[in-house]
C-alpha atoms as a PDB file:
ATOM      1  CA  MET A   1     119.699  96.556 106.074  1.00  0.00           C
ATOM      2  CA  THR A   2     116.313  94.922 106.169  1.00  0.00           C
ATOM      3  CA  THR A   3     113.369  95.625 103.899  1.00  0.00           C
ATOM      4  CA  TYR A   4     110.182  96.321 105.835  1.00  0.00           C
ATOM      5  CA  VAL A   5     106.652  96.642 104.540  1.00  0.00           C
ATOM      6  CA  ILE A   6     104.990  99.316 106.671  1.00  0.00           C
ATOM      7  CA  SER A   7     101.266 100.125 106.804  1.00  0.00           C
ATOM      8  CA  VAL A   8     100.170 103.663 107.618  1.00  0.00           C
ATOM      9  CA  PRO A   9      96.409 104.123 108.116  1.00  0.00           C
ATOM     10  CA  GLY A  10      94.595 107.396 107.637  1.00  0.00           C
ATOM     11  CA  THR A  11      91.297 109.092 106.900  1.00  0.00           C
ATOM     12  CA  PHE A  12      90.344 111.546 104.185  1.00  0.00           C
ATOM     13  CA  THR A  13      88.221 114.123 106.004  1.00  0.00           C
ATOM     14  CA  GLY A  14      86.661 115.445 102.795  1.00  0.00           C
ATOM     15  CA  ASP A  15      86.064 114.359  99.245  1.00  0.00           C
ATOM     16  CA  VAL A  16      89.278 113.288  97.538  1.00  0.00           C
ATOM     17  CA  GLY A  17      88.957 112.903  93.807  1.00  0.00           C
ATOM     18  CA  THR A  18      90.588 110.440  91.478  1.00  0.00           C
ATOM     19  CA  ASP A  19      93.178 113.045  90.438  1.00  0.00           C
ATOM     20  CA  THR A  20      94.375 113.495  94.015  1.00  0.00           C
ATOM     21  CA  ARG A  21      94.485 109.745  94.621  1.00  0.00           C
ATOM     22  CA  THR A  22      96.513 109.302  91.437  1.00  0.00           C
ATOM     23  CA  ARG A  23      98.977 112.018  92.491  1.00  0.00           C
ATOM     24  CA  LEU A  24      99.290 110.396  95.924  1.00  0.00           C
ATOM     25  CA  ALA A  25      99.913 106.927  94.478  1.00  0.00           C
ATOM     26  CA  ARG A  26     102.459 108.389  92.059  1.00  0.00           C
ATOM     27  CA  ALA A  27     104.288 110.171  94.897  1.00  0.00           C
ATOM     28  CA  LEU A  28     104.446 106.880  96.791  1.00  0.00           C
ATOM     29  CA  SER A  29     105.522 104.746  93.816  1.00  0.00           C
ATOM     30  CA  PRO A  30     109.218 104.549  94.838  1.00  0.00           C
ATOM     31  CA  ALA A  31     108.082 102.802  98.035  1.00  0.00           C
ATOM     32  CA  ASP A  32     105.582 100.454  96.303  1.00  0.00           C
ATOM     33  CA  PRO A  33     105.520  97.071  98.094  1.00  0.00           C
ATOM     34  CA  HIS A  34     105.090  95.157  94.812  1.00  0.00           C
ATOM     35  CA  GLY A  35     108.911  95.127  94.621  1.00  0.00           C
ATOM     36  CA  THR A  36     109.044  92.685  97.532  1.00  0.00           C
ATOM     37  CA  ARG A  37     108.114  88.996  97.602  1.00  0.00           C
ATOM     38  CA  MET A  38     105.444  89.668 100.226  1.00  0.00           C
ATOM     39  CA  GLY A  39     103.957  92.663  98.431  1.00  0.00           C
ATOM     40  CA  SER A  40     103.846  90.853  95.123  1.00  0.00           C
ATOM     41  CA  ALA A  41     102.500  87.573  96.524  1.00  0.00           C
ATOM     42  CA  GLU A  42      99.788  89.281  98.561  1.00  0.00           C
ATOM     43  CA  GLY A  43      98.936  91.951  95.988  1.00  0.00           C
ATOM     44  CA  LEU A  44      99.622  94.830  98.371  1.00  0.00           C
ATOM     45  CA  ASP A  45      98.771  98.156  96.782  1.00  0.00           C
ATOM     46  CA  VAL A  46     100.607 101.273  97.844  1.00  0.00           C
ATOM     47  CA  LEU A  47      97.212 102.993  98.408  1.00  0.00           C
ATOM     48  CA  SER A  48      93.945 101.315  99.393  1.00  0.00           C
ATOM     49  CA  VAL A  49      90.853 103.447 100.000  1.00  0.00           C
ATOM     50  CA  ASN A  50      87.699 102.176 101.711  1.00  0.00           C
ATOM     51  CA  GLU A  51      84.133 103.380 101.136  1.00  0.00           C
ATOM     52  CA  ASP A  52      84.181 105.300 104.440  1.00  0.00           C
ATOM     53  CA  ASN A  53      87.211 107.381 103.276  1.00  0.00           C
ATOM     54  CA  THR A  54      89.655 105.535 105.498  1.00  0.00           C
ATOM     55  CA  PHE A  55      92.791 104.474 103.686  1.00  0.00           C
ATOM     56  CA  THR A  56      95.975 102.505 104.113  1.00  0.00           C
ATOM     57  CA  LEU A  57      99.353 103.344 102.658  1.00  0.00           C
ATOM     58  CA  ARG A  58     101.640 100.306 102.319  1.00  0.00           C
ATOM     59  CA  LEU A  59     105.257 101.309 101.906  1.00  0.00           C
ATOM     60  CA  THR A  60     108.554  99.494 101.465  1.00  0.00           C
ATOM     61  CA  VAL A  61     111.357 100.903 103.582  1.00  0.00           C
ATOM     62  CA  GLU A  62     114.972  99.779 103.979  1.00  0.00           C
ATOM     63  CA  SER A  63     116.202 100.257 107.523  1.00  0.00           C
ATOM     64  CA  ASP A  64     118.405  98.808 110.247  1.00  0.00           C
ATOM     65  CA  THR A  65     115.576  98.663 112.800  1.00  0.00           C
ATOM     66  CA  GLY A  66     111.802  98.413 112.916  1.00  0.00           C
ATOM     67  CA  PRO A  67     111.299 101.711 114.748  1.00  0.00           C
ATOM     68  CA  HIS A  68     113.451 103.550 112.201  1.00  0.00           C
ATOM     69  CA  ALA A  69     111.485 101.914 109.376  1.00  0.00           C
ATOM     70  CA  GLU A  70     108.194 103.056 110.910  1.00  0.00           C
ATOM     71  CA  GLN A  71     109.549 106.592 111.318  1.00  0.00           C
ATOM     72  CA  GLU A  72     110.804 106.709 107.722  1.00  0.00           C
ATOM     73  CA  ALA A  73     107.488 105.365 106.393  1.00  0.00           C
ATOM     74  CA  ARG A  74     105.630 108.055 108.296  1.00  0.00           C
ATOM     75  CA  GLN A  75     107.888 110.722 106.791  1.00  0.00           C
ATOM     76  CA  LEU A  76     107.372 109.284 103.287  1.00  0.00           C
ATOM     77  CA  ALA A  77     103.613 109.275 103.821  1.00  0.00           C
ATOM     78  CA  ASP A  78     103.573 112.880 105.086  1.00  0.00           C
ATOM     79  CA  SER A  79     105.678 114.047 102.139  1.00  0.00           C
ATOM     80  CA  ALA A  80     103.521 112.205  99.569  1.00  0.00           C
ATOM     81  CA  LEU A  81     100.333 113.639 101.063  1.00  0.00           C
ATOM     82  CA  ARG A  82     101.759 117.169 100.795  1.00  0.00           C
ATOM     83  CA  ASP A  83     102.830 116.475  97.183  1.00  0.00           C
ATOM     84  CA  ALA A  84      99.224 115.444  96.438  1.00  0.00           C
ATOM     85  CA  GLY A  85      97.889 118.683  97.968  1.00  0.00           C
ATOM     86  CA  LEU A  86      96.751 117.147 101.271  1.00  0.00           C
ATOM     87  CA  ASP A  87      97.817 117.951 104.815  1.00  0.00           C
ATOM     88  CA  GLU A  88      97.403 116.591 108.353  1.00  0.00           C
ATOM     89  CA  HIS A  89      93.896 118.106 108.540  1.00  0.00           C
ATOM     90  CA  SER A  90      92.556 116.771 105.241  1.00  0.00           C
ATOM     91  CA  ALA A  91      94.230 113.356 105.632  1.00  0.00           C
ATOM     92  CA  PRO A  92      95.257 112.653 109.243  1.00  0.00           C
ATOM     93  CA  LEU A  93      97.430 109.577 109.669  1.00  0.00           C
ATOM     94  CA  GLY A  94      97.427 106.899 112.341  1.00  0.00           C
ATOM     95  CA  PRO A  95     100.493 105.121 113.687  1.00  0.00           C
ATOM     96  CA  ALA A  96     102.812 103.335 111.260  1.00  0.00           C
ATOM     97  CA  VAL A  97     102.940  99.570 111.806  1.00  0.00           C
ATOM     98  CA  ILE A  98     105.274  96.893 110.450  1.00  0.00           C
ATOM     99  CA  THR A  99     103.167  94.683 108.182  1.00  0.00           C
ATOM    100  CA  GLY A 100     106.002  92.403 107.126  1.00  0.00           C
ATOM    101  CA  ILE A 101     109.724  91.913 106.782  1.00  0.00           C
ATOM    102  CA  ASP A 102     111.137  90.897 103.426  1.00  0.00           C
ATOM    103  CA  SER A 103     114.840  90.237 103.064  1.00  0.00           C
ATOM    104  CA  GLU A 104     114.663  89.320  99.365  1.00  0.00           C
ATOM    105  CA  VAL A 105     113.826  92.196  97.059  1.00  0.00           C
ATOM    106  CA  ARG A 106     113.251  91.480  93.385  1.00  0.00           C
END
């Protein structure tokens, strides 16, 4: 198994308060990239939100292949968004992309 850091971009289509962002980050915490050398060294946050309401989810996924890692990250992102009270209309996601590969997890 290889540890991948996957980025999933998206856009909040309406106002998303601090409470919702906190719930989303909490739902994603098991996949936080800070547990990898790359995520720790580069200070990758699990959720980054820009002023224009676009956001990036950075997730750590263990998988045998890149495509499976991207698919799993997308599923994690969808599930976390639902847990935070968001759906594909209020927070549509773009394609998942491999940001890095980290074979040494702390």
